[in-house]
Amino acid sequence: MAAKKSAKKSSPKAGAGLPFDPIVAAGLDEAAAMGWSHVTMEAVAARAGLGLGEVLLDVPNKTCLLLAFLKHLDARTLGPVKRIDPADSTRDRLFEIVMRRFDALNEKREGARAVVSGVSRDPAAALAAACRLERSLAAMLEAAGISSSGLVGLVRRPGFKAVLAVTLRAWMTDDSTDLAKTMAALDRALNRAEKLAGLATFRGRRSEQAEA
């Protein structure tokens, strides 16, 4: 039931309004067609209809292409957050933020899947993505009203990373138009994370201050 309740607040249009950079879009299309390991910047430039040098000025290599894609996902995930609405529960805010990220991933589903699969076998890209993800995790928690700083933040970020990993695995095989399987997996993962941490993992700042 929790998934259905939160799902009403999340939709593919939740972060709409920020188009893909043509180079990033071309890179994802190339990954979908050829696989991440076979993507070249020359092919990306050709697919984007741009000169190779023009592309390389902005995106010098595949690792930078991946980072540009992750930056786009962060913008689509966090850009719509104007303030933290106290009327919403912390958990519902976090659910909505995470699903907004998967809605953005779904816009270029086949390309995004190819990138996720390929990056796991690309050590340099995987390391760069992991570093960027740490920043993304912290920002998403803060956007939901959950502190990512201090010792508590050090505990929360790995737990949140595990939640995202479980949800990502579900998304990789979710061919539904409404991402129902992805939402259900996220709901279960959040429940599990809260229980393992004594129901304290994703509390908001007010709860922490009240206990203190």
N, C-alpha and C. Protein backbone atom coordinates (compact mmCIF):
# COMPACT_ATOMS: atom_id res chain seq x y z
N MET A 1 0.82 -1.20 0.00
CA MET A 1 0.00 0.00 0.00
C MET A 1 0.86 1.26 0.00
N ALA A 2 1.99 1.20 0.72
CA ALA A 2 2.87 2.36 0.80
C ALA A 2 3.37 2.75 -0.58
N ALA A 3 3.69 1.75 -1.38
CA ALA A 3 4.19 2.04 -2.72
C ALA A 3 3.13 2.74 -3.54
N LYS A 4 1.89 2.28 -3.45
CA LYS A 4 0.83 2.89 -4.23
C LYS A 4 0.58 4.32 -3.79
N LYS A 5 0.65 4.56 -2.47
CA LYS A 5 0.42 5.90 -1.96
C LYS A 5 1.47 6.86 -2.47
N SER A 6 2.74 6.46 -2.40
CA SER A 6 3.82 7.32 -2.84
C SER A 6 3.85 7.46 -4.35
N ALA A 7 3.40 6.43 -5.04
CA ALA A 7 3.45 6.44 -6.49
C ALA A 7 2.59 7.56 -7.06
N LYS A 8 1.54 7.95 -6.36
CA LYS A 8 0.68 9.00 -6.85
C LYS A 8 1.42 10.32 -6.97
N LYS A 9 2.50 10.47 -6.17
CA LYS A 9 3.22 11.72 -6.17
C LYS A 9 4.38 11.69 -7.15
N SER A 10 4.67 10.53 -7.72
CA SER A 10 5.80 10.40 -8.63
C SER A 10 5.31 10.00 -10.00
N SER A 11 5.81 10.67 -11.02
CA SER A 11 5.40 10.35 -12.38
C SER A 11 6.55 10.70 -13.30
N PRO A 12 6.52 10.20 -14.56
CA PRO A 12 7.57 10.53 -15.50
C PRO A 12 7.69 12.02 -15.77
N LYS A 13 6.67 12.81 -15.39
CA LYS A 13 6.72 14.24 -15.63
C LYS A 13 7.22 15.02 -14.41
N ALA A 14 7.53 14.29 -13.32
CA ALA A 14 7.87 14.97 -12.07
C ALA A 14 9.04 15.92 -12.22
N GLY A 15 10.05 15.54 -13.03
CA GLY A 15 11.20 16.41 -13.22
C GLY A 15 11.31 16.90 -14.64
N ALA A 16 10.16 16.94 -15.35
CA ALA A 16 10.18 17.29 -16.76
C ALA A 16 10.61 18.73 -16.94
N GLY A 17 11.09 19.04 -18.14
CA GLY A 17 11.46 20.41 -18.42
C GLY A 17 12.94 20.58 -18.67
N LEU A 18 13.74 19.57 -18.40
CA LEU A 18 15.18 19.64 -18.62
C LEU A 18 15.55 18.63 -19.69
N PRO A 19 15.71 19.08 -20.93
CA PRO A 19 16.00 18.14 -22.02
C PRO A 19 17.41 17.56 -21.90
N PHE A 20 17.60 16.41 -22.51
CA PHE A 20 18.92 15.81 -22.56
C PHE A 20 19.85 16.69 -23.38
N ASP A 21 21.09 16.85 -22.91
CA ASP A 21 22.13 17.42 -23.74
C ASP A 21 22.26 16.54 -24.98
N PRO A 22 22.37 17.11 -26.18
CA PRO A 22 22.42 16.28 -27.39
C PRO A 22 23.59 15.30 -27.40
N ILE A 23 24.71 15.66 -26.77
CA ILE A 23 25.85 14.74 -26.73
C ILE A 23 25.54 13.56 -25.82
N VAL A 24 24.94 13.83 -24.67
CA VAL A 24 24.57 12.76 -23.75
C VAL A 24 23.52 11.87 -24.39
N ALA A 25 22.53 12.47 -25.02
CA ALA A 25 21.48 11.70 -25.68
C ALA A 25 22.06 10.81 -26.76
N ALA A 26 22.99 11.35 -27.54
CA ALA A 26 23.62 10.57 -28.59
C ALA A 26 24.45 9.43 -28.00
N GLY A 27 25.11 9.71 -26.89
CA GLY A 27 25.89 8.66 -26.23
C GLY A 27 25.03 7.52 -25.74
N LEU A 28 23.88 7.84 -25.20
CA LEU A 28 22.97 6.80 -24.73
C LEU A 28 22.40 6.00 -25.90
N ASP A 29 22.07 6.70 -26.97
CA ASP A 29 21.57 5.99 -28.16
C ASP A 29 22.64 5.07 -28.74
N GLU A 30 23.88 5.54 -28.73
CA GLU A 30 24.98 4.72 -29.24
C GLU A 30 25.19 3.50 -28.34
N ALA A 31 25.09 3.71 -27.03
CA ALA A 31 25.23 2.58 -26.09
C ALA A 31 24.13 1.56 -26.30
N ALA A 32 22.90 2.04 -26.55
CA ALA A 32 21.78 1.13 -26.79
C ALA A 32 22.01 0.32 -28.06
N ALA A 33 22.60 0.95 -29.06
CA ALA A 33 22.78 0.27 -30.34
C ALA A 33 24.00 -0.65 -30.36
N MET A 34 25.08 -0.23 -29.70
CA MET A 34 26.36 -0.93 -29.83
C MET A 34 26.88 -1.57 -28.55
N GLY A 35 26.31 -1.17 -27.39
CA GLY A 35 26.85 -1.61 -26.11
C GLY A 35 27.89 -0.61 -25.62
N TRP A 36 27.96 -0.42 -24.32
CA TRP A 36 28.85 0.58 -23.74
C TRP A 36 30.31 0.37 -24.14
N SER A 37 30.75 -0.86 -24.19
CA SER A 37 32.16 -1.14 -24.46
C SER A 37 32.56 -0.71 -25.87
N HIS A 38 31.60 -0.59 -26.77
CA HIS A 38 31.90 -0.25 -28.16
C HIS A 38 31.61 1.21 -28.49
N VAL A 39 31.21 1.98 -27.50
CA VAL A 39 30.93 3.40 -27.72
C VAL A 39 32.26 4.13 -27.95
N THR A 40 32.31 4.94 -28.98
CA THR A 40 33.46 5.82 -29.22
C THR A 40 32.95 7.25 -29.32
N MET A 41 33.80 8.20 -29.00
CA MET A 41 33.38 9.59 -29.07
C MET A 41 33.16 10.02 -30.52
N GLU A 42 33.86 9.40 -31.45
CA GLU A 42 33.65 9.71 -32.86
C GLU A 42 32.24 9.30 -33.29
N ALA A 43 31.82 8.12 -32.83
CA ALA A 43 30.47 7.64 -33.17
C ALA A 43 29.42 8.51 -32.49
N VAL A 44 29.67 8.93 -31.28
CA VAL A 44 28.74 9.80 -30.56
C VAL A 44 28.59 11.13 -31.30
N ALA A 45 29.71 11.69 -31.73
CA ALA A 45 29.67 12.96 -32.46
C ALA A 45 28.86 12.81 -33.75
N ALA A 46 29.09 11.71 -34.47
CA ALA A 46 28.36 11.49 -35.72
C ALA A 46 26.86 11.36 -35.46
N ARG A 47 26.52 10.63 -34.39
CA ARG A 47 25.10 10.44 -34.07
C ARG A 47 24.45 11.74 -33.64
N ALA A 48 25.23 12.61 -32.99
CA ALA A 48 24.71 13.90 -32.54
C ALA A 48 24.68 14.93 -33.66
N GLY A 49 25.33 14.63 -34.79
CA GLY A 49 25.38 15.57 -35.89
C GLY A 49 26.33 16.72 -35.62
N LEU A 50 27.37 16.46 -34.84
CA LEU A 50 28.33 17.50 -34.46
C LEU A 50 29.73 17.08 -34.89
N GLY A 51 30.62 18.05 -34.99
CA GLY A 51 32.01 17.74 -35.28
C GLY A 51 32.67 17.08 -34.09
N LEU A 52 33.61 16.19 -34.35
CA LEU A 52 34.28 15.48 -33.25
C LEU A 52 34.97 16.44 -32.30
N GLY A 53 35.67 17.41 -32.84
CA GLY A 53 36.36 18.37 -31.97
C GLY A 53 35.39 19.15 -31.09
N GLU A 54 34.25 19.52 -31.65
CA GLU A 54 33.23 20.25 -30.90
C GLU A 54 32.74 19.42 -29.72
N VAL A 55 32.55 18.13 -29.96
CA VAL A 55 32.10 17.24 -28.89
C VAL A 55 33.18 17.08 -27.83
N LEU A 56 34.41 16.88 -28.28
CA LEU A 56 35.50 16.63 -27.34
C LEU A 56 35.81 17.82 -26.44
N LEU A 57 35.49 19.01 -26.90
CA LEU A 57 35.68 20.19 -26.06
C LEU A 57 34.82 20.11 -24.80
N ASP A 58 33.62 19.54 -24.94
CA ASP A 58 32.70 19.42 -23.81
C ASP A 58 32.81 18.07 -23.11
N VAL A 59 32.98 17.02 -23.90
CA VAL A 59 33.01 15.65 -23.35
C VAL A 59 34.21 14.93 -23.95
N PRO A 60 35.36 14.97 -23.27
CA PRO A 60 36.60 14.46 -23.87
C PRO A 60 36.66 12.94 -24.06
N ASN A 61 35.93 12.18 -23.25
CA ASN A 61 36.02 10.72 -23.35
C ASN A 61 34.77 10.08 -22.77
N LYS A 62 34.74 8.76 -22.78
CA LYS A 62 33.55 8.02 -22.33
C LYS A 62 33.28 8.22 -20.85
N THR A 63 34.34 8.31 -20.05
CA THR A 63 34.13 8.53 -18.61
C THR A 63 33.46 9.87 -18.38
N CYS A 64 33.89 10.89 -19.11
CA CYS A 64 33.24 12.19 -18.99
C CYS A 64 31.80 12.15 -19.50
N LEU A 65 31.55 11.32 -20.51
CA LEU A 65 30.19 11.14 -21.01
C LEU A 65 29.30 10.55 -19.92
N LEU A 66 29.83 9.56 -19.21
CA LEU A 66 29.08 8.96 -18.11
C LEU A 66 28.80 9.98 -17.02
N LEU A 67 29.79 10.77 -16.66
CA LEU A 67 29.61 11.78 -15.62
C LEU A 67 28.59 12.84 -16.05
N ALA A 68 28.58 13.18 -17.32
CA ALA A 68 27.59 14.14 -17.82
C ALA A 68 26.18 13.55 -17.71
N PHE A 69 26.05 12.27 -17.97
CA PHE A 69 24.76 11.60 -17.82
C PHE A 69 24.31 11.61 -16.37
N LEU A 70 25.23 11.30 -15.46
CA LEU A 70 24.88 11.30 -14.04
C LEU A 70 24.53 12.70 -13.55
N LYS A 71 25.19 13.71 -14.09
CA LYS A 71 24.85 15.09 -13.74
C LYS A 71 23.44 15.42 -14.19
N HIS A 72 23.08 14.94 -15.38
CA HIS A 72 21.71 15.14 -15.88
C HIS A 72 20.70 14.47 -14.95
N LEU A 73 20.99 13.25 -14.51
CA LEU A 73 20.08 12.55 -13.60
C LEU A 73 19.94 13.32 -12.29
N ASP A 74 21.04 13.85 -11.78
CA ASP A 74 20.97 14.64 -10.54
C ASP A 74 20.09 15.87 -10.74
N ALA A 75 20.24 16.53 -11.89
CA ALA A 75 19.45 17.72 -12.15
C ALA A 75 17.97 17.39 -12.24
N ARG A 76 17.63 16.28 -12.90
CA ARG A 76 16.23 15.88 -13.01
C ARG A 76 15.67 15.43 -11.66
N THR A 77 16.53 14.86 -10.82
CA THR A 77 16.10 14.37 -9.52
C THR A 77 15.90 15.51 -8.53
N LEU A 78 16.83 16.44 -8.51
CA LEU A 78 16.85 17.46 -7.46
C LEU A 78 16.29 18.80 -7.90
N GLY A 79 16.30 19.07 -9.20
CA GLY A 79 15.85 20.36 -9.69
C GLY A 79 14.44 20.75 -9.26
N PRO A 80 13.48 19.81 -9.25
CA PRO A 80 12.12 20.17 -8.85
C PRO A 80 11.94 20.46 -7.35
N VAL A 81 12.96 20.16 -6.53
CA VAL A 81 12.83 20.36 -5.08
C VAL A 81 13.03 21.83 -4.77
N LYS A 82 11.96 22.51 -4.39
CA LYS A 82 12.03 23.93 -4.05
C LYS A 82 12.17 24.14 -2.55
N ARG A 83 11.51 23.28 -1.80
CA ARG A 83 11.58 23.35 -0.33
C ARG A 83 11.14 22.00 0.21
N ILE A 84 11.37 21.79 1.49
CA ILE A 84 10.95 20.55 2.14
C ILE A 84 9.57 20.77 2.75
N ASP A 85 8.60 20.06 2.25
CA ASP A 85 7.22 20.21 2.72
C ASP A 85 7.02 19.42 4.00
N PRO A 86 6.80 20.10 5.14
CA PRO A 86 6.62 19.38 6.41
C PRO A 86 5.36 18.54 6.46
N ALA A 87 4.46 18.75 5.52
CA ALA A 87 3.22 17.96 5.50
C ALA A 87 3.48 16.54 5.02
N ASP A 88 4.57 16.35 4.30
CA ASP A 88 4.92 15.01 3.81
C ASP A 88 5.83 14.30 4.81
N SER A 89 5.69 13.00 4.90
CA SER A 89 6.60 12.24 5.76
C SER A 89 7.96 12.18 5.09
N THR A 90 9.00 12.03 5.92
CA THR A 90 10.35 11.94 5.39
C THR A 90 10.47 10.78 4.43
N ARG A 91 9.87 9.66 4.78
CA ARG A 91 9.96 8.46 3.94
C ARG A 91 9.30 8.69 2.58
N ASP A 92 8.14 9.35 2.57
CA ASP A 92 7.45 9.62 1.31
C ASP A 92 8.26 10.58 0.44
N ARG A 93 8.90 11.56 1.07
CA ARG A 93 9.74 12.48 0.30
C ARG A 93 10.90 11.72 -0.35
N LEU A 94 11.52 10.82 0.41
CA LEU A 94 12.64 10.06 -0.12
C LEU A 94 12.18 9.14 -1.25
N PHE A 95 11.02 8.52 -1.06
CA PHE A 95 10.45 7.64 -2.10
C PHE A 95 10.25 8.43 -3.39
N GLU A 96 9.68 9.60 -3.26
CA GLU A 96 9.39 10.41 -4.45
C GLU A 96 10.67 10.84 -5.16
N ILE A 97 11.67 11.23 -4.39
CA ILE A 97 12.93 11.67 -4.97
C ILE A 97 13.61 10.53 -5.72
N VAL A 98 13.64 9.35 -5.12
CA VAL A 98 14.27 8.20 -5.77
C VAL A 98 13.52 7.83 -7.05
N MET A 99 12.19 7.82 -7.00
CA MET A 99 11.43 7.45 -8.19
C MET A 99 11.58 8.49 -9.28
N ARG A 100 11.78 9.75 -8.91
CA ARG A 100 12.02 10.77 -9.93
C ARG A 100 13.31 10.45 -10.70
N ARG A 101 14.29 9.92 -10.00
CA ARG A 101 15.55 9.54 -10.65
C ARG A 101 15.32 8.38 -11.64
N PHE A 102 14.51 7.42 -11.23
CA PHE A 102 14.24 6.29 -12.13
C PHE A 102 13.34 6.70 -13.28
N ASP A 103 12.46 7.67 -13.06
CA ASP A 103 11.68 8.21 -14.17
C ASP A 103 12.62 8.81 -15.22
N ALA A 104 13.64 9.53 -14.75
CA ALA A 104 14.61 10.14 -15.67
C ALA A 104 15.41 9.07 -16.39
N LEU A 105 15.83 8.03 -15.67
CA LEU A 105 16.53 6.91 -16.31
C LEU A 105 15.67 6.28 -17.40
N ASN A 106 14.38 6.22 -17.15
CA ASN A 106 13.48 5.52 -18.05
C ASN A 106 13.26 6.26 -19.37
N GLU A 107 13.60 7.53 -19.42
CA GLU A 107 13.41 8.30 -20.65
C GLU A 107 14.30 7.77 -21.78
N LYS A 108 15.46 7.27 -21.41
CA LYS A 108 16.38 6.64 -22.37
C LYS A 108 16.66 5.23 -21.86
N ARG A 109 15.60 4.44 -21.75
CA ARG A 109 15.67 3.17 -21.03
C ARG A 109 16.74 2.23 -21.59
N GLU A 110 16.71 1.99 -22.88
CA GLU A 110 17.64 1.01 -23.44
C GLU A 110 19.08 1.49 -23.34
N GLY A 111 19.30 2.77 -23.59
CA GLY A 111 20.64 3.31 -23.46
C GLY A 111 21.12 3.28 -22.03
N ALA A 112 20.25 3.64 -21.11
CA ALA A 112 20.62 3.64 -19.69
C ALA A 112 20.94 2.22 -19.22
N ARG A 113 20.15 1.25 -19.65
CA ARG A 113 20.43 -0.13 -19.29
C ARG A 113 21.79 -0.58 -19.83
N ALA A 114 22.08 -0.19 -21.06
CA ALA A 114 23.37 -0.56 -21.65
C ALA A 114 24.52 0.06 -20.88
N VAL A 115 24.34 1.30 -20.43
CA VAL A 115 25.38 1.96 -19.65
C VAL A 115 25.57 1.26 -18.31
N VAL A 116 24.48 0.98 -17.62
CA VAL A 116 24.57 0.32 -16.31
C VAL A 116 25.28 -1.03 -16.44
N SER A 117 24.91 -1.80 -17.43
CA SER A 117 25.52 -3.11 -17.64
C SER A 117 27.00 -2.99 -18.02
N GLY A 118 27.30 -2.04 -18.90
CA GLY A 118 28.66 -1.91 -19.39
C GLY A 118 29.62 -1.31 -18.40
N VAL A 119 29.15 -0.35 -17.62
CA VAL A 119 30.03 0.33 -16.67
C VAL A 119 30.56 -0.64 -15.61
N SER A 120 29.78 -1.65 -15.28
CA SER A 120 30.24 -2.63 -14.28
C SER A 120 31.47 -3.39 -14.75
N ARG A 121 31.74 -3.35 -16.06
CA ARG A 121 32.92 -4.02 -16.61
C ARG A 121 33.96 -3.03 -17.13
N ASP A 122 33.80 -1.77 -16.71
CA ASP A 122 34.71 -0.70 -17.11
C ASP A 122 35.26 -0.06 -15.84
N PRO A 123 36.42 -0.52 -15.34
CA PRO A 123 36.93 -0.07 -14.03
C PRO A 123 37.05 1.45 -13.88
N ALA A 124 37.57 2.12 -14.89
CA ALA A 124 37.75 3.57 -14.80
C ALA A 124 36.40 4.28 -14.69
N ALA A 125 35.45 3.88 -15.53
CA ALA A 125 34.13 4.50 -15.50
C ALA A 125 33.41 4.16 -14.20
N ALA A 126 33.56 2.92 -13.73
CA ALA A 126 32.91 2.51 -12.50
C ALA A 126 33.42 3.31 -11.30
N LEU A 127 34.74 3.57 -11.26
CA LEU A 127 35.30 4.35 -10.17
C LEU A 127 34.79 5.79 -10.20
N ALA A 128 34.75 6.37 -11.39
CA ALA A 128 34.25 7.73 -11.52
C ALA A 128 32.79 7.82 -11.12
N ALA A 129 32.00 6.81 -11.54
CA ALA A 129 30.57 6.79 -11.20
C ALA A 129 30.37 6.65 -9.69
N ALA A 130 31.20 5.83 -9.05
CA ALA A 130 31.07 5.62 -7.60
C ALA A 130 31.33 6.91 -6.85
N CYS A 131 32.34 7.66 -7.29
CA CYS A 131 32.64 8.94 -6.63
C CYS A 131 31.49 9.93 -6.81
N ARG A 132 30.95 9.98 -8.02
CA ARG A 132 29.83 10.88 -8.28
C ARG A 132 28.59 10.45 -7.49
N LEU A 133 28.40 9.14 -7.35
CA LEU A 133 27.23 8.64 -6.65
C LEU A 133 27.24 9.04 -5.19
N GLU A 134 28.41 9.10 -4.57
CA GLU A 134 28.48 9.52 -3.18
C GLU A 134 27.90 10.92 -3.01
N ARG A 135 28.24 11.79 -3.94
CA ARG A 135 27.69 13.15 -3.91
C ARG A 135 26.18 13.13 -4.12
N SER A 136 25.74 12.32 -5.07
CA SER A 136 24.31 12.23 -5.36
C SER A 136 23.52 11.70 -4.16
N LEU A 137 24.06 10.68 -3.50
CA LEU A 137 23.40 10.10 -2.33
C LEU A 137 23.19 11.15 -1.25
N ALA A 138 24.25 11.91 -0.96
CA ALA A 138 24.16 12.93 0.07
C ALA A 138 23.11 13.97 -0.28
N ALA A 139 23.11 14.41 -1.55
CA ALA A 139 22.16 15.44 -1.97
C ALA A 139 20.72 14.95 -1.92
N MET A 140 20.49 13.70 -2.31
CA MET A 140 19.14 13.16 -2.29
C MET A 140 18.61 13.04 -0.87
N LEU A 141 19.46 12.61 0.05
CA LEU A 141 19.05 12.53 1.44
C LEU A 141 18.70 13.91 1.98
N GLU A 142 19.55 14.89 1.71
CA GLU A 142 19.30 16.25 2.19
C GLU A 142 18.00 16.80 1.60
N ALA A 143 17.74 16.49 0.33
CA ALA A 143 16.52 16.98 -0.33
C ALA A 143 15.28 16.40 0.31
N ALA A 144 15.42 15.23 0.93
CA ALA A 144 14.29 14.60 1.63
C ALA A 144 14.19 15.05 3.08
N GLY A 145 15.11 15.92 3.50
CA GLY A 145 15.10 16.38 4.88
C GLY A 145 15.83 15.47 5.83
N ILE A 146 16.77 14.68 5.30
CA ILE A 146 17.52 13.71 6.09
C ILE A 146 19.00 14.12 6.07
N SER A 147 19.57 14.37 7.22
CA SER A 147 20.96 14.80 7.26
C SER A 147 21.89 13.69 6.77
N SER A 148 22.84 14.08 5.92
CA SER A 148 23.84 13.13 5.44
C SER A 148 25.22 13.43 6.03
N SER A 149 25.25 14.31 7.02
CA SER A 149 26.51 14.74 7.60
C SER A 149 26.80 13.97 8.89
N GLY A 150 28.04 14.08 9.34
CA GLY A 150 28.42 13.51 10.63
C GLY A 150 28.43 12.00 10.65
N LEU A 151 28.51 11.45 11.85
CA LEU A 151 28.58 9.99 12.00
C LEU A 151 27.29 9.31 11.55
N VAL A 152 26.16 9.96 11.82
CA VAL A 152 24.89 9.38 11.39
C VAL A 152 24.83 9.31 9.87
N GLY A 153 25.34 10.36 9.22
CA GLY A 153 25.36 10.36 7.77
C GLY A 153 26.23 9.26 7.20
N LEU A 154 27.33 8.95 7.91
CA LEU A 154 28.21 7.87 7.46
C LEU A 154 27.49 6.53 7.47
N VAL A 155 26.53 6.38 8.37
CA VAL A 155 25.75 5.15 8.44
C VAL A 155 24.64 5.16 7.38
N ARG A 156 24.05 6.32 7.19
CA ARG A 156 22.92 6.40 6.28
C ARG A 156 23.30 6.20 4.83
N ARG A 157 24.40 6.78 4.41
CA ARG A 157 24.75 6.74 3.00
C ARG A 157 24.94 5.32 2.47
N PRO A 158 25.67 4.43 3.18
CA PRO A 158 25.76 3.04 2.68
C PRO A 158 24.42 2.33 2.66
N GLY A 159 23.58 2.63 3.67
CA GLY A 159 22.25 2.02 3.69
C GLY A 159 21.41 2.49 2.52
N PHE A 160 21.51 3.78 2.23
CA PHE A 160 20.76 4.33 1.11
C PHE A 160 21.29 3.79 -0.21
N LYS A 161 22.61 3.62 -0.30
CA LYS A 161 23.21 3.05 -1.50
C LYS A 161 22.68 1.64 -1.74
N ALA A 162 22.53 0.87 -0.67
CA ALA A 162 22.00 -0.49 -0.81
C ALA A 162 20.55 -0.45 -1.30
N VAL A 163 19.78 0.50 -0.80
CA VAL A 163 18.39 0.66 -1.24
C VAL A 163 18.35 0.95 -2.74
N LEU A 164 19.20 1.86 -3.19
CA LEU A 164 19.23 2.20 -4.61
C LEU A 164 19.69 1.02 -5.46
N ALA A 165 20.64 0.24 -4.95
CA ALA A 165 21.13 -0.92 -5.71
C ALA A 165 20.03 -1.94 -5.92
N VAL A 166 19.25 -2.21 -4.88
CA VAL A 166 18.14 -3.16 -4.98
C VAL A 166 17.10 -2.64 -5.98
N THR A 167 16.81 -1.36 -5.88
CA THR A 167 15.82 -0.76 -6.78
C THR A 167 16.32 -0.76 -8.22
N LEU A 168 17.60 -0.50 -8.42
CA LEU A 168 18.17 -0.51 -9.76
C LEU A 168 18.06 -1.90 -10.40
N ARG A 169 18.32 -2.94 -9.62
CA ARG A 169 18.20 -4.30 -10.15
C ARG A 169 16.77 -4.57 -10.61
N ALA A 170 15.81 -4.08 -9.84
CA ALA A 170 14.40 -4.27 -10.24
C ALA A 170 14.10 -3.48 -11.51
N TRP A 171 14.61 -2.26 -11.58
CA TRP A 171 14.35 -1.42 -12.77
C TRP A 171 14.94 -2.05 -14.03
N MET A 172 16.07 -2.71 -13.91
CA MET A 172 16.73 -3.29 -15.08
C MET A 172 15.84 -4.31 -15.80
N THR A 173 14.93 -4.95 -15.07
CA THR A 173 14.05 -5.96 -15.67
C THR A 173 12.59 -5.51 -15.69
N ASP A 174 12.33 -4.27 -15.35
CA ASP A 174 10.96 -3.76 -15.28
C ASP A 174 10.58 -3.13 -16.62
N ASP A 175 9.75 -3.81 -17.37
CA ASP A 175 9.32 -3.31 -18.68
C ASP A 175 7.93 -2.69 -18.63
N SER A 176 7.40 -2.47 -17.45
CA SER A 176 6.07 -1.88 -17.32
C SER A 176 6.14 -0.39 -17.62
N THR A 177 5.03 0.17 -18.05
CA THR A 177 4.99 1.59 -18.37
C THR A 177 4.94 2.46 -17.13
N ASP A 178 4.45 1.91 -16.02
CA ASP A 178 4.32 2.71 -14.80
C ASP A 178 5.38 2.40 -13.75
N LEU A 179 6.37 1.57 -14.12
CA LEU A 179 7.46 1.19 -13.20
C LEU A 179 6.94 0.61 -11.89
N ALA A 180 5.87 -0.16 -11.98
CA ALA A 180 5.26 -0.73 -10.78
C ALA A 180 6.23 -1.65 -10.02
N LYS A 181 6.97 -2.47 -10.76
CA LYS A 181 7.91 -3.38 -10.11
C LYS A 181 9.04 -2.62 -9.43
N THR A 182 9.46 -1.54 -10.06
CA THR A 182 10.52 -0.72 -9.48
C THR A 182 10.04 -0.06 -8.19
N MET A 183 8.84 0.48 -8.22
CA MET A 183 8.29 1.12 -7.02
C MET A 183 8.11 0.12 -5.89
N ALA A 184 7.64 -1.08 -6.23
CA ALA A 184 7.45 -2.10 -5.20
C ALA A 184 8.79 -2.50 -4.59
N ALA A 185 9.82 -2.61 -5.42
CA ALA A 185 11.15 -2.97 -4.91
C ALA A 185 11.69 -1.88 -4.02
N LEU A 186 11.49 -0.63 -4.39
CA LEU A 186 11.94 0.48 -3.56
C LEU A 186 11.22 0.49 -2.22
N ASP A 187 9.92 0.26 -2.26
CA ASP A 187 9.14 0.24 -1.02
C ASP A 187 9.64 -0.85 -0.08
N ARG A 188 9.90 -2.04 -0.61
CA ARG A 188 10.40 -3.14 0.21
C ARG A 188 11.79 -2.84 0.76
N ALA A 189 12.63 -2.25 -0.09
CA ALA A 189 14.00 -1.94 0.34
C ALA A 189 14.02 -0.90 1.44
N LEU A 190 13.17 0.09 1.36
CA LEU A 190 13.09 1.09 2.42
C LEU A 190 12.58 0.47 3.72
N ASN A 191 11.58 -0.40 3.61
CA ASN A 191 11.08 -1.10 4.80
C ASN A 191 12.18 -1.91 5.46
N ARG A 192 12.93 -2.64 4.66
CA ARG A 192 14.01 -3.48 5.18
C ARG A 192 15.10 -2.65 5.83
N ALA A 193 15.47 -1.55 5.19
CA ALA A 193 16.53 -0.69 5.72
C ALA A 193 16.11 -0.09 7.06
N GLU A 194 14.86 0.32 7.17
CA GLU A 194 14.39 0.91 8.42
C GLU A 194 14.36 -0.11 9.54
N LYS A 195 13.95 -1.34 9.23
CA LYS A 195 13.90 -2.38 10.26
C LYS A 195 15.30 -2.77 10.73
N LEU A 196 16.23 -2.90 9.78
CA LEU A 196 17.59 -3.27 10.14
C LEU A 196 18.27 -2.21 11.01
N ALA A 197 17.85 -0.97 10.83
CA ALA A 197 18.47 0.12 11.58
C ALA A 197 17.61 0.57 12.75
N GLY A 198 16.71 -0.27 13.17
CA GLY A 198 15.88 0.09 14.31
C GLY A 198 14.94 1.23 14.02
N LEU A 199 14.48 1.29 12.78
CA LEU A 199 13.53 2.32 12.35
C LEU A 199 14.11 3.72 12.41
N ALA A 200 15.43 3.86 12.44
CA ALA A 200 16.04 5.18 12.56
C ALA A 200 16.79 5.63 11.32
N THR A 201 16.93 4.78 10.34
CA THR A 201 17.81 5.09 9.22
C THR A 201 17.39 6.34 8.47
N PHE A 202 16.12 6.48 8.17
CA PHE A 202 15.70 7.58 7.33
C PHE A 202 14.77 8.55 8.06
N ARG A 203 15.06 8.79 9.31
CA ARG A 203 14.32 9.82 10.03
C ARG A 203 14.78 11.19 9.58
N GLY A 204 13.88 12.17 9.75
CA GLY A 204 14.24 13.54 9.40
C GLY A 204 14.97 14.24 10.53
N ARG A 205 15.38 15.47 10.28
CA ARG A 205 16.15 16.23 11.27
C ARG A 205 15.35 16.52 12.52
N ARG A 206 14.05 16.76 12.38
CA ARG A 206 13.23 17.12 13.55
C ARG A 206 13.16 15.97 14.54
N SER A 207 13.04 14.74 14.03
CA SER A 207 13.00 13.59 14.91
C SER A 207 14.29 13.46 15.70
N GLU A 208 15.42 13.70 15.03
CA GLU A 208 16.71 13.61 15.69
C GLU A 208 16.84 14.66 16.77
N GLN A 209 16.41 15.88 16.46
CA GLN A 209 16.51 16.95 17.43
C GLN A 209 15.61 16.71 18.62
N ALA A 210 14.44 16.11 18.40
CA ALA A 210 13.53 15.83 19.51
C ALA A 210 14.15 14.80 20.46
N GLU A 211 14.80 13.78 19.88
CA GLU A 211 15.43 12.76 20.72
C GLU A 211 16.60 13.34 21.50
N ALA A 212 17.34 14.27 20.85
CA ALA A 212 18.48 14.87 21.54
C ALA A 212 18.02 15.71 22.71
